[in-house]
Every structure is written in structure tokens, then in C-alpha cells.
C-alpha atoms as a PDB file:
ATOM      1  CA  UNK A   1     -27.249 -37.079 -13.582  1.00  0.00           C
ATOM      2  CA  UNK A   2     -27.518 -33.096 -12.194  1.00  0.00           C
ATOM      3  CA  UNK A   3     -24.597 -31.046 -13.877  1.00  0.00           C
ATOM      4  CA  UNK A   4     -24.985 -28.225 -11.330  1.00  0.00           C
ATOM      5  CA  UNK A   5     -22.512 -27.336  -8.816  1.00  0.00           C
ATOM      6  CA  UNK A   6     -23.342 -25.222  -5.005  1.00  0.00           C
ATOM      7  CA  UNK A   7     -22.138 -22.282  -5.674  1.00  0.00           C
ATOM      8  CA  UNK A   8     -22.455 -18.799  -5.576  1.00  0.00           C
ATOM      9  CA  UNK A   9     -20.906 -17.280  -8.786  1.00  0.00           C
ATOM     10  CA  UNK A  10     -20.766 -13.698  -7.647  1.00  0.00           C
ATOM     11  CA  UNK A  11     -18.739 -14.582  -4.768  1.00  0.00           C
ATOM     12  CA  UNK A  12     -16.240 -16.383  -5.832  1.00  0.00           C
ATOM     13  CA  UNK A  13     -15.817 -13.392  -8.749  1.00  0.00           C
ATOM     14  CA  UNK A  14     -15.877 -11.127  -5.951  1.00  0.00           C
ATOM     15  CA  UNK A  15     -13.169 -13.133  -3.963  1.00  0.00           C
ATOM     16  CA  UNK A  16     -10.853 -13.373  -6.867  1.00  0.00           C
ATOM     17  CA  UNK A  17     -10.909  -9.755  -7.479  1.00  0.00           C
ATOM     18  CA  UNK A  18     -10.277  -9.045  -3.803  1.00  0.00           C
ATOM     19  CA  UNK A  19      -7.059 -11.334  -4.057  1.00  0.00           C
ATOM     20  CA  UNK A  20      -6.131  -9.343  -7.065  1.00  0.00           C
ATOM     21  CA  UNK A  21      -6.031 -13.338  -9.140  1.00  0.00           C
ATOM     22  CA  UNK A  22      -6.197 -12.090 -13.040  1.00  0.00           C
ATOM     23  CA  UNK A  23      -8.220 -14.212 -14.954  1.00  0.00           C
ATOM     24  CA  UNK A  24      -5.059 -14.910 -17.343  1.00  0.00           C
ATOM     25  CA  UNK A  25      -1.964 -16.734 -16.606  1.00  0.00           C
ATOM     26  CA  UNK A  26      -2.012 -18.995 -14.342  1.00  0.00           C
ATOM     27  CA  UNK A  27      -5.457 -19.203 -13.186  1.00  0.00           C
ATOM     28  CA  UNK A  28      -6.232 -19.789 -16.611  1.00  0.00           C
ATOM     29  CA  UNK A  29      -3.955 -22.449 -17.244  1.00  0.00           C
ATOM     30  CA  UNK A  30      -4.227 -24.424 -14.136  1.00  0.00           C
ATOM     31  CA  UNK A  31      -8.565 -24.031 -14.947  1.00  0.00           C
ATOM     32  CA  UNK A  32      -7.394 -25.486 -18.324  1.00  0.00           C
ATOM     33  CA  UNK A  33      -9.236 -22.883 -20.319  1.00  0.00           C
ATOM     34  CA  UNK A  34      -8.813 -19.310 -21.803  1.00  0.00           C
ATOM     35  CA  UNK A  35      -8.882 -15.964 -19.745  1.00  0.00           C
ATOM     36  CA  UNK A  36     -11.839 -15.029 -22.331  1.00  0.00           C
ATOM     37  CA  UNK A  37     -14.028 -18.014 -21.168  1.00  0.00           C
ATOM     38  CA  UNK A  38     -13.555 -17.148 -17.332  1.00  0.00           C
ATOM     39  CA  UNK A  39     -14.312 -14.317 -18.221  1.00  0.00           C
ATOM     40  CA  UNK A  40     -18.051 -14.857 -19.963  1.00  0.00           C
ATOM     41  CA  UNK A  41     -18.785 -17.689 -17.555  1.00  0.00           C
ATOM     42  CA  UNK A  42     -18.273 -15.357 -14.534  1.00  0.00           C
ATOM     43  CA  UNK A  43     -20.259 -12.233 -16.263  1.00  0.00           C
ATOM     44  CA  UNK A  44     -23.303 -14.763 -18.032  1.00  0.00           C
ATOM     45  CA  UNK A  45     -25.624 -16.297 -16.091  1.00  0.00           C
ATOM     46  CA  UNK A  46     -26.481 -19.007 -18.536  1.00  0.00           C
ATOM     47  CA  UNK A  47     -22.352 -19.063 -19.818  1.00  0.00           C
ATOM     48  CA  UNK A  48     -21.889 -22.619 -19.811  1.00  0.00           C
ATOM     49  CA  UNK A  49     -18.486 -24.215 -17.879  1.00  0.00           C
ATOM     50  CA  UNK A  50     -17.618 -27.701 -17.972  1.00  0.00           C
ATOM     51  CA  UNK A  51     -17.958 -29.427 -14.491  1.00  0.00           C
ATOM     52  CA  UNK A  52     -14.114 -30.150 -13.704  1.00  0.00           C
ATOM     53  CA  UNK A  53     -13.160 -26.485 -14.984  1.00  0.00           C
ATOM     54  CA  UNK A  54     -15.372 -25.171 -12.360  1.00  0.00           C
ATOM     55  CA  UNK A  55     -14.123 -26.406  -9.707  1.00  0.00           C
ATOM     56  CA  UNK A  56     -10.737 -26.087 -10.365  1.00  0.00           C
ATOM     57  CA  UNK A  57     -11.901 -22.446 -10.660  1.00  0.00           C
ATOM     58  CA  UNK A  58     -13.085 -22.134  -7.118  1.00  0.00           C
ATOM     59  CA  UNK A  59     -10.154 -24.608  -5.836  1.00  0.00           C
ATOM     60  CA  UNK A  60      -7.517 -22.147  -7.122  1.00  0.00           C
ATOM     61  CA  UNK A  61      -9.057 -19.283  -5.434  1.00  0.00           C
ATOM     62  CA  UNK A  62     -10.233 -21.386  -2.098  1.00  0.00           C
ATOM     63  CA  UNK A  63      -6.061 -21.816  -2.103  1.00  0.00           C
ATOM     64  CA  UNK A  64      -4.791 -18.847  -3.407  1.00  0.00           C
ATOM     65  CA  UNK A  65      -2.693 -16.937  -0.483  1.00  0.00           C
ATOM     66  CA  UNK A  66      -4.390 -13.549   1.121  1.00  0.00           C
ATOM     67  CA  UNK A  67      -1.932 -11.739   0.910  1.00  0.00           C
ATOM     68  CA  UNK A  68       0.449 -11.807  -1.568  1.00  0.00           C
ATOM     69  CA  UNK A  69       3.918 -13.415  -2.166  1.00  0.00           C
ATOM     70  CA  UNK A  70       6.677 -11.179  -0.532  1.00  0.00           C
ATOM     71  CA  UNK A  71       9.921 -11.056  -2.737  1.00  0.00           C
ATOM     72  CA  UNK A  72      13.022 -10.401  -1.820  1.00  0.00           C
ATOM     73  CA  UNK A  73      14.699  -8.083  -4.755  1.00  0.00           C
ATOM     74  CA  UNK A  74      18.037  -7.419  -2.375  1.00  0.00           C
ATOM     75  CA  UNK A  75      19.561 -10.637  -3.547  1.00  0.00           C
END
């Protein structure tokens, strides 16, 4: 069974950066790994990451809003 996903790693890294999604915090927690692991996986062609973690990484980036949510600081 082929465990590779059909995705463009550079595309999702760039999309994450365009949306200003930090590796630490919610993304790493949602994926279930450390920000360092995601960083190495993004940068290195052959750095392994489990298929379910890749699927969560892609899903998080796709679901993240294009524009940051506005907060009302005058409450």
C-alpha cells in the first residue's frame, strides 16, 4: 500500500505562511506533533511524518480563515 499523499508540500507551506499560521500553538496541537517536527517536514523532502498528521496539517490550513478574525477590543 502506498502511504504517500498527493499534495504539494511547498504549496501548503506557502499557504500557511500567507495566512500567517504559526507552527507552534494550535496547528502543532491539532496535528498532534511538535512545531519542530512540522518545520523539518516542511523543509526536508524526505523527512517523515505520519499520513494522519499530514492529513490534519492540510485540513487545518484549508479550514483556516483567509483573513484574521477581528476582535472587539472595546468591550
